[in-house]
Amino acid sequence: TAATVTTAAQPAITSVGTLTSLAVSGTVDGRDVAADGVKLDAMASFAIGDTGPAGGLVFYVDHTGMHGLEAWPNGNRNPHSATWWDGSYEPLDASPSGIGAGYTNTLIIVSAQGEAAKHATNTSPAHSAAQNCLMTTSTVNGVIYGGWYLPSVFELQLMRTNLYDNGIGGFTSQAYWSSNNSGNNPSASGPTYGKVVNFSDGSVGQTYVFNTYDFRQCRAF
């Protein structure tokens, strides 16, 4: 005869809530979770001006509120200014300027020009603005975050509108380097100009890659 299979009754679900915190310790999605019911970063909703997962200032969020971009929280990091190039002309195209493009541009710049070099007019070792950003790390609750990069023109404009215009982040009214270049040197096949965003009025300009300007790194989360 065929065997009789019985199943245990399943408990009824009486309510469904929204999980916002857990009283646990350890890591969630690679991030530390404290033992006192701290809101999980992986489920957090962020707003402009909030502190981001890596300790930066949130200046862009997507439609979910869970993902976006954060900028380094102040202008006191040393160094905070550099040249766009590393001292040599190398062919590259860092033209994409939308959200997220800065990360790709930064990798292109560093890959083409190398990790370390010298200023054109100075024999001391130096790093380009892009390399300085890529070398940046931040530590929050014992977790070390990388992924910082030199923002694109549009990302810088968002930073200006959402942070600088609201007096957040310690920005000045001067120009900041973007990760975008403008044209290559015909004789050396390398970039001649890098693009800057003037925080005084939001305009976009270009200047020689061997000039020194401030930069402000950002990262995606």
Protein backbone atom coordinates (compact mmCIF):
# COMPACT_ATOMS: atom_id res chain seq x y z
CA THR A 1 0.00 0.00 0.00
CA ALA A 2 1.08 3.59 -0.59
CA ALA A 3 2.55 5.45 2.32
CA THR A 4 0.53 8.24 3.87
CA VAL A 5 2.33 11.58 3.97
CA THR A 6 1.24 14.13 6.49
CA THR A 7 2.48 17.70 6.86
CA ALA A 8 2.62 19.80 9.94
CA ALA A 9 0.35 22.81 10.07
CA GLN A 10 2.15 26.05 9.29
CA PRO A 11 1.93 28.82 11.89
CA ALA A 12 -0.27 31.71 10.88
CA ILE A 13 1.37 35.03 10.11
CA THR A 14 -0.39 37.59 12.19
CA SER A 15 1.50 40.73 11.22
CA VAL A 16 4.23 41.94 8.92
CA GLY A 17 6.36 44.88 9.94
CA THR A 18 9.21 46.83 8.41
CA LEU A 19 12.62 45.71 9.58
CA THR A 20 14.64 48.75 10.51
CA SER A 21 16.94 47.51 13.26
CA LEU A 22 18.35 44.40 14.86
CA ALA A 23 19.88 43.90 18.29
CA VAL A 24 22.89 42.01 16.99
CA SER A 25 26.63 42.40 16.69
CA GLY A 26 28.83 41.50 13.77
CA THR A 27 28.63 42.58 10.16
CA VAL A 28 25.85 43.03 7.65
CA ASP A 29 26.74 43.43 3.98
CA GLY A 30 30.33 43.94 5.08
CA ARG A 31 29.46 46.66 7.56
CA ASP A 32 29.64 46.63 11.34
CA VAL A 33 26.37 46.41 13.24
CA ALA A 34 26.36 47.49 16.87
CA ALA A 35 24.63 45.53 19.60
CA ASP A 36 21.96 48.09 20.41
CA GLY A 37 19.51 47.96 17.54
CA VAL A 38 21.34 50.27 15.17
CA LYS A 39 19.61 50.86 11.83
CA LEU A 40 21.08 48.59 9.18
CA ASP A 41 22.98 50.56 6.52
CA ALA A 42 21.83 48.09 3.87
CA MET A 43 18.21 49.11 4.55
CA ALA A 44 18.73 52.75 5.42
CA SER A 45 17.13 55.60 3.54
CA PHE A 46 19.37 58.60 2.95
CA ALA A 47 18.64 62.26 2.27
CA ILE A 48 20.76 65.12 0.95
CA GLY A 49 23.15 66.32 3.65
CA ASP A 50 23.06 63.08 5.64
CA THR A 51 26.22 61.30 6.68
CA GLY A 52 26.82 58.46 4.22
CA PRO A 53 27.96 54.91 4.95
CA ALA A 54 31.64 55.86 4.61
CA GLY A 55 31.36 59.06 6.67
CA GLY A 56 30.93 61.43 3.73
CA LEU A 57 28.17 63.92 3.02
CA VAL A 58 25.34 62.65 0.84
CA PHE A 59 24.81 64.92 -2.18
CA TYR A 60 22.80 62.63 -4.44
CA VAL A 61 20.29 59.82 -3.84
CA ASP A 62 18.43 57.67 -6.33
CA HIS A 63 14.68 57.02 -6.36
CA THR A 64 14.99 54.33 -3.66
CA GLY A 65 16.79 56.60 -1.21
CA MET A 66 19.12 53.70 -0.47
CA HIS A 67 21.83 54.42 -3.01
CA GLY A 68 23.63 57.55 -4.05
CA LEU A 69 26.85 59.53 -3.79
CA GLU A 70 28.72 60.94 -0.80
CA ALA A 71 31.47 63.58 -0.79
CA TRP A 72 34.45 63.78 1.52
CA PRO A 73 33.02 65.67 4.53
CA ASN A 74 35.42 68.62 4.65
CA GLY A 75 38.26 70.38 2.88
CA ASN A 76 40.86 69.71 5.56
CA ARG A 77 42.26 66.46 4.19
CA ASN A 78 45.93 66.71 3.27
CA PRO A 79 46.54 67.00 0.40
CA HIS A 80 43.41 68.72 -0.84
CA SER A 81 44.95 70.25 -3.94
CA ALA A 82 46.99 68.81 -6.80
CA THR A 83 47.63 68.97 -10.53
CA TRP A 84 45.35 67.10 -12.94
CA TRP A 85 48.25 65.28 -14.59
CA ASP A 86 51.15 63.32 -13.12
CA GLY A 87 53.88 65.12 -15.03
CA SER A 88 53.74 63.37 -18.37
CA TYR A 89 51.49 63.46 -21.42
CA GLU A 90 49.76 60.14 -21.99
CA PRO A 91 46.85 59.59 -24.40
CA LEU A 92 43.54 59.14 -22.64
CA ASP A 93 39.86 59.96 -22.96
CA ALA A 94 38.13 60.95 -19.74
CA SER A 95 35.13 62.62 -21.37
CA PRO A 96 32.05 60.94 -19.73
CA SER A 97 30.53 63.45 -17.33
CA GLY A 98 27.35 61.95 -15.85
CA ILE A 99 26.57 60.31 -12.50
CA GLY A 100 29.06 57.54 -11.81
CA ALA A 101 31.31 58.58 -14.71
CA GLY A 102 33.89 60.05 -12.38
CA TYR A 103 34.90 56.63 -11.11
CA THR A 104 35.56 55.33 -14.61
CA ASN A 105 37.44 58.52 -15.52
CA THR A 106 39.58 58.23 -12.40
CA LEU A 107 40.60 54.68 -13.28
CA ILE A 108 41.39 55.77 -16.85
CA ILE A 109 43.57 58.66 -15.66
CA VAL A 110 45.49 56.59 -13.13
CA SER A 111 45.94 53.67 -15.51
CA ALA A 112 47.23 55.90 -18.31
CA GLN A 113 49.49 58.12 -16.24
CA GLY A 114 50.71 55.77 -13.54
CA GLU A 115 50.42 55.78 -9.76
CA ALA A 116 53.28 58.14 -8.92
CA ALA A 117 55.08 60.86 -10.85
CA LYS A 118 56.51 64.33 -10.63
CA HIS A 119 55.14 67.79 -11.31
CA ALA A 120 56.30 69.34 -14.56
CA THR A 121 57.89 72.25 -12.70
CA ASN A 122 58.89 70.45 -9.50
CA THR A 123 61.22 67.52 -8.91
CA SER A 124 59.54 66.37 -5.72
CA PRO A 125 57.31 63.25 -5.88
CA ALA A 126 53.66 64.05 -6.47
CA HIS A 127 50.33 62.40 -7.18
CA SER A 128 47.65 63.67 -9.52
CA ALA A 129 44.25 64.68 -8.17
CA ALA A 130 42.78 61.43 -9.52
CA GLN A 131 45.44 59.29 -7.84
CA ASN A 132 45.01 61.14 -4.55
CA CYS A 133 41.28 60.42 -4.64
CA LEU A 134 41.79 56.75 -5.49
CA MET A 135 44.22 56.38 -2.59
CA THR A 136 41.69 57.81 -0.12
CA THR A 137 40.17 55.58 2.56
CA SER A 138 37.81 56.38 5.43
CA THR A 139 37.11 54.39 8.59
CA VAL A 140 33.66 54.16 10.17
CA ASN A 141 33.07 51.91 13.20
CA GLY A 142 36.24 50.03 12.40
CA VAL A 143 35.29 49.40 8.76
CA ILE A 144 37.69 50.78 6.15
CA TYR A 145 36.01 52.16 3.01
CA GLY A 146 37.67 52.71 -0.35
CA GLY A 147 36.13 53.48 -3.71
CA TRP A 148 36.72 57.25 -3.51
CA TYR A 149 37.29 58.98 -6.83
CA LEU A 150 37.62 62.32 -8.61
CA PRO A 151 34.09 63.42 -9.56
CA SER A 152 32.90 64.19 -13.06
CA VAL A 153 31.69 67.66 -14.04
CA PHE A 154 28.04 66.80 -13.41
CA GLU A 155 28.83 65.16 -10.07
CA LEU A 156 30.71 68.30 -9.02
CA GLN A 157 27.77 70.47 -10.04
CA LEU A 158 25.47 68.32 -7.88
CA MET A 159 27.95 68.69 -5.03
CA ARG A 160 27.88 72.45 -5.45
CA THR A 161 24.09 72.71 -5.65
CA ASN A 162 23.25 70.31 -2.83
CA LEU A 163 26.11 70.96 -0.40
CA TYR A 164 27.98 74.22 -1.11
CA ASP A 165 24.81 76.25 -1.78
CA ASN A 166 23.44 75.05 1.57
CA GLY A 167 26.61 75.87 3.50
CA ILE A 168 27.52 72.21 4.00
CA GLY A 169 30.93 70.61 3.63
CA GLY A 170 33.42 73.43 4.02
CA PHE A 171 33.69 74.19 0.31
CA THR A 172 35.16 77.45 -0.94
CA SER A 173 33.98 79.57 -3.87
CA GLN A 174 36.98 78.65 -5.99
CA ALA A 175 37.32 76.12 -8.83
CA TYR A 176 37.57 72.37 -8.22
CA TRP A 177 39.10 69.79 -10.51
CA SER A 178 36.78 67.35 -12.25
CA SER A 179 37.92 64.04 -13.74
CA ASN A 180 37.08 65.26 -17.25
CA ASN A 181 39.73 66.36 -19.72
CA SER A 182 39.37 68.61 -22.72
CA GLY A 183 41.48 67.77 -25.74
CA ASN A 184 44.81 66.02 -26.17
CA ASN A 185 48.15 67.61 -26.88
CA PRO A 186 48.70 67.13 -30.64
CA SER A 187 52.45 66.70 -30.28
CA ALA A 188 52.45 64.47 -27.20
CA SER A 189 49.01 62.82 -27.62
CA GLY A 190 48.15 63.59 -24.02
CA PRO A 191 45.58 65.82 -22.30
CA THR A 192 46.26 69.54 -22.46
CA TYR A 193 43.36 70.79 -20.36
CA GLY A 194 41.38 69.47 -17.45
CA LYS A 195 37.88 70.72 -16.67
CA VAL A 196 37.01 72.58 -13.47
CA VAL A 197 33.74 73.65 -11.90
CA ASN A 198 33.70 77.13 -10.39
CA PHE A 199 31.77 76.88 -7.16
CA SER A 200 31.16 80.63 -7.11
CA ASP A 201 28.68 80.39 -9.99
CA GLY A 202 28.60 76.75 -11.14
CA SER A 203 30.23 77.46 -14.47
CA VAL A 204 32.50 74.93 -16.16
CA GLY A 205 35.94 75.97 -17.35
CA GLN A 206 39.16 74.41 -18.49
CA THR A 207 42.76 74.97 -17.46
CA TYR A 208 46.18 73.46 -18.12
CA VAL A 209 46.60 70.03 -16.56
CA PHE A 210 49.82 71.11 -14.78
CA ASN A 211 48.02 73.82 -12.77
CA THR A 212 47.17 73.12 -9.14
CA TYR A 213 43.57 73.30 -7.94
CA ASP A 214 41.57 71.89 -5.06
CA PHE A 215 39.71 68.62 -5.49
CA ARG A 216 36.99 66.91 -3.45
CA GLN A 217 36.68 63.13 -3.67
CA CYS A 218 33.39 61.28 -3.68
CA ARG A 219 32.18 57.68 -3.70
CA ALA A 220 29.06 55.71 -4.56
CA PHE A 221 27.05 53.66 -2.05
